[in-house]
Amino acid sequence: MESEKPRRGFVESVVYSALEPGINSSLHVFLNVVLVLLVVLWIGLLFIVGFSIHLIILAAITLGLLAVFNWFMTELHKNPQEGLSSTSGAPQHQDTDDSTHLKTQ
């Protein structure tokens, strides 16, 4: 008898995704919605308060974060296994010491 996984709601899925390794589609959608709402907030404040270079810079930073996040997710979905096996993030090199590969004659 196989036990079925209980189906999680959207909020529960986002919370569990934050506590588990990796990212699922619920967290991806949630972060996109939050970042878009943040851009709308900055633009709304820009119209309410008037011209402020600080709000323009904050909106630009948020748009940049949104673009980089979506680019990263696109690249991750293209090749999900590449580059994620190492915990240090540095490329793993094989030892190519020639002295250990010399044949005795």
PDB file of N, CA and C in Angstrom:
ATOM      1  N   MET A   1       0.841  -1.176   0.000  1.00  0.00           N
ATOM      2  CA  MET A   1       0.000   0.000   0.000  1.00  0.00           C
ATOM      3  C   MET A   1       0.889   1.243   0.000  1.00  0.00           C
ATOM      4  N   GLU A   2       0.785   2.011  -1.048  1.00  0.00           N
ATOM      5  CA  GLU A   2       1.605   3.201  -1.179  1.00  0.00           C
ATOM      6  C   GLU A   2       0.926   4.374  -0.492  1.00  0.00           C
ATOM      7  N   SER A   3       1.711   5.110   0.279  1.00  0.00           N
ATOM      8  CA  SER A   3       1.155   6.304   0.914  1.00  0.00           C
ATOM      9  C   SER A   3       1.337   7.476  -0.036  1.00  0.00           C
ATOM     10  N   GLU A   4       0.255   8.184  -0.263  1.00  0.00           N
ATOM     11  CA  GLU A   4       0.304   9.335  -1.161  1.00  0.00           C
ATOM     12  C   GLU A   4       0.739  10.559  -0.378  1.00  0.00           C
ATOM     13  N   LYS A   5       1.517  11.419  -1.031  1.00  0.00           N
ATOM     14  CA  LYS A   5       1.927  12.668  -0.423  1.00  0.00           C
ATOM     15  C   LYS A   5       0.723  13.600  -0.382  1.00  0.00           C
ATOM     16  N   PRO A   6       0.485  14.235   0.738  1.00  0.00           N
ATOM     17  CA  PRO A   6      -0.625  15.183   0.766  1.00  0.00           C
ATOM     18  C   PRO A   6      -0.306  16.379  -0.127  1.00  0.00           C
ATOM     19  N   ARG A   7      -1.301  16.835  -0.848  1.00  0.00           N
ATOM     20  CA  ARG A   7      -1.113  17.971  -1.743  1.00  0.00           C
ATOM     21  C   ARG A   7      -1.015  19.251  -0.912  1.00  0.00           C
ATOM     22  N   ARG A   8       0.022  20.013  -1.152  1.00  0.00           N
ATOM     23  CA  ARG A   8       0.255  21.247  -0.414  1.00  0.00           C
ATOM     24  C   ARG A   8      -0.416  22.419  -1.119  1.00  0.00           C
ATOM     25  N   GLY A   9      -0.853  23.390  -0.339  1.00  0.00           N
ATOM     26  CA  GLY A   9      -1.366  24.636  -0.884  1.00  0.00           C
ATOM     27  C   GLY A   9      -0.210  25.521  -1.325  1.00  0.00           C
ATOM     28  N   PHE A  10      -0.530  26.659  -1.928  1.00  0.00           N
ATOM     29  CA  PHE A  10       0.507  27.537  -2.461  1.00  0.00           C
ATOM     30  C   PHE A  10       1.397  28.077  -1.349  1.00  0.00           C
ATOM     31  N   VAL A  11       0.800  28.597  -0.289  1.00  0.00           N
ATOM     32  CA  VAL A  11       1.580  29.192   0.800  1.00  0.00           C
ATOM     33  C   VAL A  11       2.414  28.113   1.495  1.00  0.00           C
ATOM     34  N   GLU A  12       1.817  26.965   1.738  1.00  0.00           N
ATOM     35  CA  GLU A  12       2.542  25.873   2.377  1.00  0.00           C
ATOM     36  C   GLU A  12       3.702  25.406   1.500  1.00  0.00           C
ATOM     37  N   SER A  13       3.487  25.372   0.188  1.00  0.00           N
ATOM     38  CA  SER A  13       4.541  24.981  -0.735  1.00  0.00           C
ATOM     39  C   SER A  13       5.697  25.976  -0.725  1.00  0.00           C
ATOM     40  N   VAL A  14       5.379  27.269  -0.629  1.00  0.00           N
ATOM     41  CA  VAL A  14       6.422  28.302  -0.572  1.00  0.00           C
ATOM     42  C   VAL A  14       7.225  28.175   0.715  1.00  0.00           C
ATOM     43  N   VAL A  15       6.544  27.948   1.834  1.00  0.00           N
ATOM     44  CA  VAL A  15       7.242  27.822   3.112  1.00  0.00           C
ATOM     45  C   VAL A  15       8.132  26.590   3.116  1.00  0.00           C
ATOM     46  N   TYR A  16       7.612  25.453   2.641  1.00  0.00           N
ATOM     47  CA  TYR A  16       8.425  24.238   2.612  1.00  0.00           C
ATOM     48  C   TYR A  16       9.595  24.387   1.633  1.00  0.00           C
ATOM     49  N   SER A  17       9.394  25.096   0.544  1.00  0.00           N
ATOM     50  CA  SER A  17      10.476  25.295  -0.419  1.00  0.00           C
ATOM     51  C   SER A  17      11.588  26.144   0.179  1.00  0.00           C
ATOM     52  N   ALA A  18      11.230  27.085   1.034  1.00  0.00           N
ATOM     53  CA  ALA A  18      12.247  27.914   1.690  1.00  0.00           C
ATOM     54  C   ALA A  18      13.061  27.104   2.683  1.00  0.00           C
ATOM     55  N   LEU A  19      12.481  26.023   3.209  1.00  0.00           N
ATOM     56  CA  LEU A  19      13.166  25.209   4.207  1.00  0.00           C
ATOM     57  C   LEU A  19      13.886  24.015   3.609  1.00  0.00           C
ATOM     58  N   GLU A  20      13.604  23.699   2.355  1.00  0.00           N
ATOM     59  CA  GLU A  20      14.220  22.556   1.687  1.00  0.00           C
ATOM     60  C   GLU A  20      15.241  23.053   0.669  1.00  0.00           C
ATOM     61  N   PRO A  21      16.221  22.216   0.322  1.00  0.00           N
ATOM     62  CA  PRO A  21      17.180  22.638  -0.710  1.00  0.00           C
ATOM     63  C   PRO A  21      16.502  22.730  -2.073  1.00  0.00           C
ATOM     64  N   GLY A  22      16.971  23.630  -2.889  1.00  0.00           N
ATOM     65  CA  GLY A  22      16.422  23.794  -4.230  1.00  0.00           C
ATOM     66  C   GLY A  22      15.288  24.802  -4.247  1.00  0.00           C
ATOM     67  N   ILE A  23      14.681  24.923  -5.410  1.00  0.00           N
ATOM     68  CA  ILE A  23      13.581  25.867  -5.590  1.00  0.00           C
ATOM     69  C   ILE A  23      12.510  25.190  -6.423  1.00  0.00           C
ATOM     70  N   ASN A  24      11.256  25.395  -6.068  1.00  0.00           N
ATOM     71  CA  ASN A  24      10.173  24.829  -6.868  1.00  0.00           C
ATOM     72  C   ASN A  24       9.429  25.949  -7.582  1.00  0.00           C
ATOM     73  N   SER A  25       8.461  25.588  -8.388  1.00  0.00           N
ATOM     74  CA  SER A  25       7.776  26.595  -9.202  1.00  0.00           C
ATOM     75  C   SER A  25       6.963  27.561  -8.344  1.00  0.00           C
ATOM     76  N   SER A  26       6.466  27.113  -7.196  1.00  0.00           N
ATOM     77  CA  SER A  26       5.696  28.007  -6.323  1.00  0.00           C
ATOM     78  C   SER A  26       6.567  29.138  -5.795  1.00  0.00           C
ATOM     79  N   LEU A  27       7.771  28.811  -5.378  1.00  0.00           N
ATOM     80  CA  LEU A  27       8.675  29.843  -4.878  1.00  0.00           C
ATOM     81  C   LEU A  27       9.107  30.780  -6.005  1.00  0.00           C
ATOM     82  N   HIS A  28       9.307  30.240  -7.192  1.00  0.00           N
ATOM     83  CA  HIS A  28       9.678  31.058  -8.347  1.00  0.00           C
ATOM     84  C   HIS A  28       8.575  32.079  -8.649  1.00  0.00           C
ATOM     85  N   VAL A  29       7.333  31.624  -8.689  1.00  0.00           N
ATOM     86  CA  VAL A  29       6.203  32.520  -8.946  1.00  0.00           C
ATOM     87  C   VAL A  29       6.074  33.541  -7.819  1.00  0.00           C
ATOM     88  N   PHE A  30       6.210  33.081  -6.575  1.00  0.00           N
ATOM     89  CA  PHE A  30       6.091  33.968  -5.422  1.00  0.00           C
ATOM     90  C   PHE A  30       7.137  35.087  -5.471  1.00  0.00           C
ATOM     91  N   LEU A  31       8.394  34.737  -5.754  1.00  0.00           N
ATOM     92  CA  LEU A  31       9.443  35.761  -5.815  1.00  0.00           C
ATOM     93  C   LEU A  31       9.216  36.738  -6.971  1.00  0.00           C
ATOM     94  N   ASN A  32       8.738  36.243  -8.105  1.00  0.00           N
ATOM     95  CA  ASN A  32       8.431  37.140  -9.216  1.00  0.00           C
ATOM     96  C   ASN A  32       7.314  38.116  -8.850  1.00  0.00           C
ATOM     97  N   VAL A  33       6.259  37.624  -8.205  1.00  0.00           N
ATOM     98  CA  VAL A  33       5.149  38.487  -7.813  1.00  0.00           C
ATOM     99  C   VAL A  33       5.616  39.532  -6.805  1.00  0.00           C
ATOM    100  N   VAL A  34       6.405  39.121  -5.823  1.00  0.00           N
ATOM    101  CA  VAL A  34       6.892  40.057  -4.807  1.00  0.00           C
ATOM    102  C   VAL A  34       7.773  41.128  -5.435  1.00  0.00           C
ATOM    103  N   LEU A  35       8.667  40.747  -6.332  1.00  0.00           N
ATOM    104  CA  LEU A  35       9.552  41.734  -6.956  1.00  0.00           C
ATOM    105  C   LEU A  35       8.792  42.691  -7.872  1.00  0.00           C
ATOM    106  N   VAL A  36       7.801  42.183  -8.605  1.00  0.00           N
ATOM    107  CA  VAL A  36       6.989  43.068  -9.457  1.00  0.00           C
ATOM    108  C   VAL A  36       6.181  44.034  -8.594  1.00  0.00           C
ATOM    109  N   LEU A  37       5.606  43.538  -7.489  1.00  0.00           N
ATOM    110  CA  LEU A  37       4.875  44.427  -6.582  1.00  0.00           C
ATOM    111  C   LEU A  37       5.789  45.473  -5.961  1.00  0.00           C
ATOM    112  N   LEU A  38       7.030  45.119  -5.705  1.00  0.00           N
ATOM    113  CA  LEU A  38       7.987  46.079  -5.168  1.00  0.00           C
ATOM    114  C   LEU A  38       8.306  47.175  -6.190  1.00  0.00           C
ATOM    115  N   VAL A  39       8.433  46.806  -7.448  1.00  0.00           N
ATOM    116  CA  VAL A  39       8.646  47.814  -8.501  1.00  0.00           C
ATOM    117  C   VAL A  39       7.432  48.734  -8.601  1.00  0.00           C
ATOM    118  N   VAL A  40       6.230  48.151  -8.538  1.00  0.00           N
ATOM    119  CA  VAL A  40       5.003  48.966  -8.576  1.00  0.00           C
ATOM    120  C   VAL A  40       4.965  49.917  -7.378  1.00  0.00           C
ATOM    121  N   LEU A  41       5.379  49.441  -6.212  1.00  0.00           N
ATOM    122  CA  LEU A  41       5.434  50.293  -5.021  1.00  0.00           C
ATOM    123  C   LEU A  41       6.387  51.460  -5.227  1.00  0.00           C
ATOM    124  N   TRP A  42       7.589  51.194  -5.747  1.00  0.00           N
ATOM    125  CA  TRP A  42       8.559  52.277  -5.967  1.00  0.00           C
ATOM    126  C   TRP A  42       8.017  53.297  -6.963  1.00  0.00           C
ATOM    127  N   ILE A  43       7.401  52.825  -8.039  1.00  0.00           N
ATOM    128  CA  ILE A  43       6.859  53.750  -9.052  1.00  0.00           C
ATOM    129  C   ILE A  43       5.681  54.534  -8.474  1.00  0.00           C
ATOM    130  N   GLY A  44       4.831  53.858  -7.682  1.00  0.00           N
ATOM    131  CA  GLY A  44       3.717  54.561  -7.039  1.00  0.00           C
ATOM    132  C   GLY A  44       4.207  55.638  -6.089  1.00  0.00           C
ATOM    133  N   LEU A  45       5.219  55.312  -5.302  1.00  0.00           N
ATOM    134  CA  LEU A  45       5.798  56.320  -4.400  1.00  0.00           C
ATOM    135  C   LEU A  45       6.434  57.466  -5.176  1.00  0.00           C
ATOM    136  N   LEU A  46       6.980  57.149  -6.333  1.00  0.00           N
ATOM    137  CA  LEU A  46       7.588  58.196  -7.164  1.00  0.00           C
ATOM    138  C   LEU A  46       6.534  59.212  -7.601  1.00  0.00           C
ATOM    139  N   PHE A  47       5.331  58.722  -7.925  1.00  0.00           N
ATOM    140  CA  PHE A  47       4.259  59.644  -8.319  1.00  0.00           C
ATOM    141  C   PHE A  47       3.660  60.382  -7.118  1.00  0.00           C
ATOM    142  N   ILE A  48       3.599  59.738  -5.977  1.00  0.00           N
ATOM    143  CA  ILE A  48       3.014  60.364  -4.783  1.00  0.00           C
ATOM    144  C   ILE A  48       3.959  61.401  -4.185  1.00  0.00           C
ATOM    145  N   VAL A  49       5.228  61.021  -4.010  1.00  0.00           N
ATOM    146  CA  VAL A  49       6.199  61.885  -3.346  1.00  0.00           C
ATOM    147  C   VAL A  49       6.751  62.932  -4.310  1.00  0.00           C
ATOM    148  N   GLY A  50       6.826  62.596  -5.552  1.00  0.00           N
ATOM    149  CA  GLY A  50       7.451  63.471  -6.524  1.00  0.00           C
ATOM    150  C   GLY A  50       8.796  62.884  -6.920  1.00  0.00           C
ATOM    151  N   PHE A  51       9.539  63.616  -7.729  1.00  0.00           N
ATOM    152  CA  PHE A  51      10.818  63.110  -8.215  1.00  0.00           C
ATOM    153  C   PHE A  51      11.780  62.895  -7.065  1.00  0.00           C
ATOM    154  N   SER A  52      12.308  61.685  -6.999  1.00  0.00           N
ATOM    155  CA  SER A  52      13.321  61.356  -6.006  1.00  0.00           C
ATOM    156  C   SER A  52      14.289  60.368  -6.649  1.00  0.00           C
ATOM    157  N   ILE A  53      15.532  60.768  -6.696  1.00  0.00           N
ATOM    158  CA  ILE A  53      16.549  59.911  -7.300  1.00  0.00           C
ATOM    159  C   ILE A  53      16.668  58.602  -6.529  1.00  0.00           C
ATOM    160  N   HIS A  54      16.397  58.633  -5.232  1.00  0.00           N
ATOM    161  CA  HIS A  54      16.495  57.426  -4.416  1.00  0.00           C
ATOM    162  C   HIS A  54      15.465  56.380  -4.846  1.00  0.00           C
ATOM    163  N   LEU A  55      14.245  56.820  -5.120  1.00  0.00           N
ATOM    164  CA  LEU A  55      13.200  55.883  -5.552  1.00  0.00           C
ATOM    165  C   LEU A  55      13.504  55.321  -6.933  1.00  0.00           C
ATOM    166  N   ILE A  56      14.064  56.145  -7.806  1.00  0.00           N
ATOM    167  CA  ILE A  56      14.434  55.669  -9.144  1.00  0.00           C
ATOM    168  C   ILE A  56      15.534  54.617  -9.035  1.00  0.00           C
ATOM    169  N   ILE A  57      16.519  54.867  -8.177  1.00  0.00           N
ATOM    170  CA  ILE A  57      17.610  53.901  -7.996  1.00  0.00           C
ATOM    171  C   ILE A  57      17.082  52.603  -7.379  1.00  0.00           C
ATOM    172  N   LEU A  58      16.199  52.702  -6.388  1.00  0.00           N
ATOM    173  CA  LEU A  58      15.624  51.500  -5.781  1.00  0.00           C
ATOM    174  C   LEU A  58      14.806  50.698  -6.796  1.00  0.00           C
ATOM    175  N   ALA A  59      14.047  51.387  -7.641  1.00  0.00           N
ATOM    176  CA  ALA A  59      13.279  50.694  -8.681  1.00  0.00           C
ATOM    177  C   ALA A  59      14.214  50.018  -9.675  1.00  0.00           C
ATOM    178  N   ALA A  60      15.303  50.686 -10.036  1.00  0.00           N
ATOM    179  CA  ALA A  60      16.269  50.098 -10.966  1.00  0.00           C
ATOM    180  C   ALA A  60      16.951  48.876 -10.352  1.00  0.00           C
ATOM    181  N   ILE A  61      17.294  48.954  -9.076  1.00  0.00           N
ATOM    182  CA  ILE A  61      17.915  47.809  -8.400  1.00  0.00           C
ATOM    183  C   ILE A  61      16.940  46.632  -8.355  1.00  0.00           C
ATOM    184  N   THR A  62      15.679  46.910  -8.064  1.00  0.00           N
ATOM    185  CA  THR A  62      14.671  45.852  -8.006  1.00  0.00           C
ATOM    186  C   THR A  62      14.458  45.234  -9.381  1.00  0.00           C
ATOM    187  N   LEU A  63      14.399  46.066 -10.422  1.00  0.00           N
ATOM    188  CA  LEU A  63      14.261  45.525 -11.786  1.00  0.00           C
ATOM    189  C   LEU A  63      15.474  44.681 -12.163  1.00  0.00           C
ATOM    190  N   GLY A  64      16.653  45.124 -11.765  1.00  0.00           N
ATOM    191  CA  GLY A  64      17.855  44.342 -12.030  1.00  0.00           C
ATOM    192  C   GLY A  64      17.829  43.007 -11.312  1.00  0.00           C
ATOM    193  N   LEU A  65      17.396  43.006 -10.057  1.00  0.00           N
ATOM    194  CA  LEU A  65      17.280  41.763  -9.300  1.00  0.00           C
ATOM    195  C   LEU A  65      16.268  40.824  -9.944  1.00  0.00           C
ATOM    196  N   LEU A  66      15.149  41.371 -10.396  1.00  0.00           N
ATOM    197  CA  LEU A  66      14.136  40.565 -11.069  1.00  0.00           C
ATOM    198  C   LEU A  66      14.687  39.956 -12.358  1.00  0.00           C
ATOM    199  N   ALA A  67      15.414  40.745 -13.126  1.00  0.00           N
ATOM    200  CA  ALA A  67      15.988  40.243 -14.375  1.00  0.00           C
ATOM    201  C   ALA A  67      17.039  39.168 -14.120  1.00  0.00           C
ATOM    202  N   VAL A  68      17.919  39.388 -13.152  1.00  0.00           N
ATOM    203  CA  VAL A  68      18.971  38.415 -12.850  1.00  0.00           C
ATOM    204  C   VAL A  68      18.374  37.123 -12.291  1.00  0.00           C
ATOM    205  N   PHE A  69      17.365  37.242 -11.450  1.00  0.00           N
ATOM    206  CA  PHE A  69      16.718  36.060 -10.888  1.00  0.00           C
ATOM    207  C   PHE A  69      16.084  35.222 -11.985  1.00  0.00           C
ATOM    208  N   ASN A  70      15.362  35.861 -12.899  1.00  0.00           N
ATOM    209  CA  ASN A  70      14.720  35.114 -13.979  1.00  0.00           C
ATOM    210  C   ASN A  70      15.748  34.551 -14.959  1.00  0.00           C
ATOM    211  N   TRP A  71      16.831  35.269 -15.209  1.00  0.00           N
ATOM    212  CA  TRP A  71      17.890  34.736 -16.060  1.00  0.00           C
ATOM    213  C   TRP A  71      18.504  33.490 -15.423  1.00  0.00           C
ATOM    214  N   PHE A  72      18.781  33.567 -14.111  1.00  0.00           N
ATOM    215  CA  PHE A  72      19.365  32.435 -13.398  1.00  0.00           C
ATOM    216  C   PHE A  72      18.429  31.229 -13.447  1.00  0.00           C
ATOM    217  N   MET A  73      17.151  31.449 -13.246  1.00  0.00           N
ATOM    218  CA  MET A  73      16.198  30.338 -13.280  1.00  0.00           C
ATOM    219  C   MET A  73      16.115  29.732 -14.677  1.00  0.00           C
ATOM    220  N   THR A  74      16.194  30.557 -15.707  1.00  0.00           N
ATOM    221  CA  THR A  74      16.187  30.054 -17.082  1.00  0.00           C
ATOM    222  C   THR A  74      17.418  29.197 -17.339  1.00  0.00           C
ATOM    223  N   GLU A  75      18.587  29.677 -16.909  1.00  0.00           N
ATOM    224  CA  GLU A  75      19.812  28.904 -17.089  1.00  0.00           C
ATOM    225  C   GLU A  75      19.783  27.609 -16.269  1.00  0.00           C
ATOM    226  N   LEU A  76      19.205  27.664 -15.092  1.00  0.00           N
ATOM    227  CA  LEU A  76      19.112  26.484 -14.246  1.00  0.00           C
ATOM    228  C   LEU A  76      18.214  25.426 -14.872  1.00  0.00           C
ATOM    229  N   HIS A  77      17.130  25.866 -15.508  1.00  0.00           N
ATOM    230  CA  HIS A  77      16.221  24.913 -16.151  1.00  0.00           C
ATOM    231  C   HIS A  77      16.793  24.361 -17.450  1.00  0.00           C
ATOM    232  N   LYS A  78      17.708  25.091 -18.086  1.00  0.00           N
ATOM    233  CA  LYS A  78      18.349  24.579 -19.300  1.00  0.00           C
ATOM    234  C   LYS A  78      19.206  23.363 -18.999  1.00  0.00           C
ATOM    235  N   ASN A  79      19.987  23.436 -17.933  1.00  0.00           N
ATOM    236  CA  ASN A  79      20.914  22.365 -17.589  1.00  0.00           C
ATOM    237  C   ASN A  79      20.950  22.215 -16.070  1.00  0.00           C
ATOM    238  N   PRO A  80      19.989  21.508 -15.478  1.00  0.00           N
ATOM    239  CA  PRO A  80      19.881  21.480 -14.022  1.00  0.00           C
ATOM    240  C   PRO A  80      20.994  20.713 -13.315  1.00  0.00           C
ATOM    241  N   GLN A  81      21.706  19.819 -13.980  1.00  0.00           N
ATOM    242  CA  GLN A  81      22.723  19.024 -13.317  1.00  0.00           C
ATOM    243  C   GLN A  81      24.104  19.664 -13.347  1.00  0.00           C
ATOM    244  N   GLU A  82      24.345  20.586 -14.232  1.00  0.00           N
ATOM    245  CA  GLU A  82      25.680  21.151 -14.419  1.00  0.00           C
ATOM    246  C   GLU A  82      26.010  22.163 -13.333  1.00  0.00           C
ATOM    247  N   GLY A  83      27.155  21.974 -12.702  1.00  0.00           N
ATOM    248  CA  GLY A  83      27.664  22.967 -11.777  1.00  0.00           C
ATOM    249  C   GLY A  83      27.078  22.922 -10.386  1.00  0.00           C
ATOM    250  N   LEU A  84      26.109  22.081 -10.116  1.00  0.00           N
ATOM    251  CA  LEU A  84      25.497  22.065  -8.805  1.00  0.00           C
ATOM    252  C   LEU A  84      25.957  20.899  -7.949  1.00  0.00           C
ATOM    253  N   SER A  85      26.844  20.050  -8.468  1.00  0.00           N
ATOM    254  CA  SER A  85      27.273  18.891  -7.698  1.00  0.00           C
ATOM    255  C   SER A  85      28.343  19.249  -6.681  1.00  0.00           C
ATOM    256  N   SER A  86      29.080  20.299  -6.915  1.00  0.00           N
ATOM    257  CA  SER A  86      30.150  20.698  -6.001  1.00  0.00           C
ATOM    258  C   SER A  86      29.589  21.609  -4.925  1.00  0.00           C
ATOM    259  N   THR A  87      29.960  21.366  -3.682  1.00  0.00           N
ATOM    260  CA  THR A  87      29.460  22.211  -2.611  1.00  0.00           C
ATOM    261  C   THR A  87      30.260  23.499  -2.485  1.00  0.00           C
ATOM    262  N   SER A  88      31.485  23.514  -2.958  1.00  0.00           N
ATOM    263  CA  SER A  88      32.307  24.716  -2.821  1.00  0.00           C
ATOM    264  C   SER A  88      32.052  25.723  -3.933  1.00  0.00           C
ATOM    265  N   GLY A  89      31.461  25.299  -5.024  1.00  0.00           N
ATOM    266  CA  GLY A  89      31.211  26.186  -6.132  1.00  0.00           C
ATOM    267  C   GLY A  89      32.395  26.323  -7.068  1.00  0.00           C
ATOM    268  N   ALA A  90      33.560  25.885  -6.654  1.00  0.00           N
ATOM    269  CA  ALA A  90      34.746  25.962  -7.495  1.00  0.00           C
ATOM    270  C   ALA A  90      34.800  24.754  -8.414  1.00  0.00           C
ATOM    271  N   PRO A  91      35.296  24.936  -9.616  1.00  0.00           N
ATOM    272  CA  PRO A  91      35.408  23.786 -10.504  1.00  0.00           C
ATOM    273  C   PRO A  91      36.382  22.764  -9.940  1.00  0.00           C
ATOM    274  N   GLN A  92      36.057  21.507 -10.122  1.00  0.00           N
ATOM    275  CA  GLN A  92      36.912  20.453  -9.608  1.00  0.00           C
ATOM    276  C   GLN A  92      37.907  20.060 -10.679  1.00  0.00           C
ATOM    277  N   HIS A  93      39.196  20.066 -10.313  1.00  0.00           N
ATOM    278  CA  HIS A  93      40.255  19.722 -11.250  1.00  0.00           C
ATOM    279  C   HIS A  93      40.847  18.382 -10.852  1.00  0.00           C
ATOM    280  N   GLN A  94      41.225  17.627 -11.863  1.00  0.00           N
ATOM    281  CA  GLN A  94      41.898  16.374 -11.587  1.00  0.00           C
ATOM    282  C   GLN A  94      43.384  16.652 -11.403  1.00  0.00           C
ATOM    283  N   ASP A  95      44.008  15.852 -10.574  1.00  0.00           N
ATOM    284  CA  ASP A  95      45.438  15.991 -10.352  1.00  0.00           C
ATOM    285  C   ASP A  95      46.162  15.510 -11.608  1.00  0.00           C
ATOM    286  N   THR A  96      46.893  16.391 -12.228  1.00  0.00           N
ATOM    287  CA  THR A  96      47.582  16.045 -13.479  1.00  0.00           C
ATOM    288  C   THR A  96      49.087  16.086 -13.296  1.00  0.00           C
ATOM    289  N   ASP A  97      49.546  15.653 -12.160  1.00  0.00           N
ATOM    290  CA  ASP A  97      50.974  15.605 -11.895  1.00  0.00           C
ATOM    291  C   ASP A  97      51.606  14.552 -12.808  1.00  0.00           C
ATOM    292  N   ASP A  98      52.494  14.993 -13.699  1.00  0.00           N
ATOM    293  CA  ASP A  98      53.087  14.084 -14.681  1.00  0.00           C
ATOM    294  C   ASP A  98      53.985  13.033 -14.044  1.00  0.00           C
ATOM    295  N   SER A  99      54.540  13.325 -12.886  1.00  0.00           N
ATOM    296  CA  SER A  99      55.463  12.374 -12.272  1.00  0.00           C
ATOM    297  C   SER A  99      54.747  11.102 -11.818  1.00  0.00           C
ATOM    298  N   THR A 100      53.458  11.197 -11.548  1.00  0.00           N
ATOM    299  CA  THR A 100      52.736  10.000 -11.117  1.00  0.00           C
ATOM    300  C   THR A 100      52.286   9.149 -12.294  1.00  0.00           C
ATOM    301  N   HIS A 101      52.329   9.717 -13.489  1.00  0.00           N
ATOM    302  CA  HIS A 101      51.870   8.997 -14.676  1.00  0.00           C
ATOM    303  C   HIS A 101      53.007   8.444 -15.536  1.00  0.00           C
ATOM    304  N   LEU A 102      54.258   8.601 -15.068  1.00  0.00           N
ATOM    305  CA  LEU A 102      55.397   8.103 -15.839  1.00  0.00           C
ATOM    306  C   LEU A 102      55.460   6.570 -15.775  1.00  0.00           C
ATOM    307  N   LYS A 103      55.705   6.003 -16.908  1.00  0.00           N
ATOM    308  CA  LYS A 103      55.831   4.539 -16.946  1.00  0.00           C
ATOM    309  C   LYS A 103      57.288   4.178 -16.746  1.00  0.00           C
ATOM    310  N   THR A 104      57.506   3.113 -16.032  1.00  0.00           N
ATOM    311  CA  THR A 104      58.875   2.627 -15.848  1.00  0.00           C
ATOM    312  C   THR A 104      59.239   1.739 -17.022  1.00  0.00           C
ATOM    313  N   GLN A 105      60.449   1.875 -17.492  1.00  0.00           N
ATOM    314  CA  GLN A 105      60.864   1.091 -18.653  1.00  0.00           C
ATOM    315  C   GLN A 105      61.818   0.016 -18.272  1.00  0.00           C
TER     316      GLN A 105
END
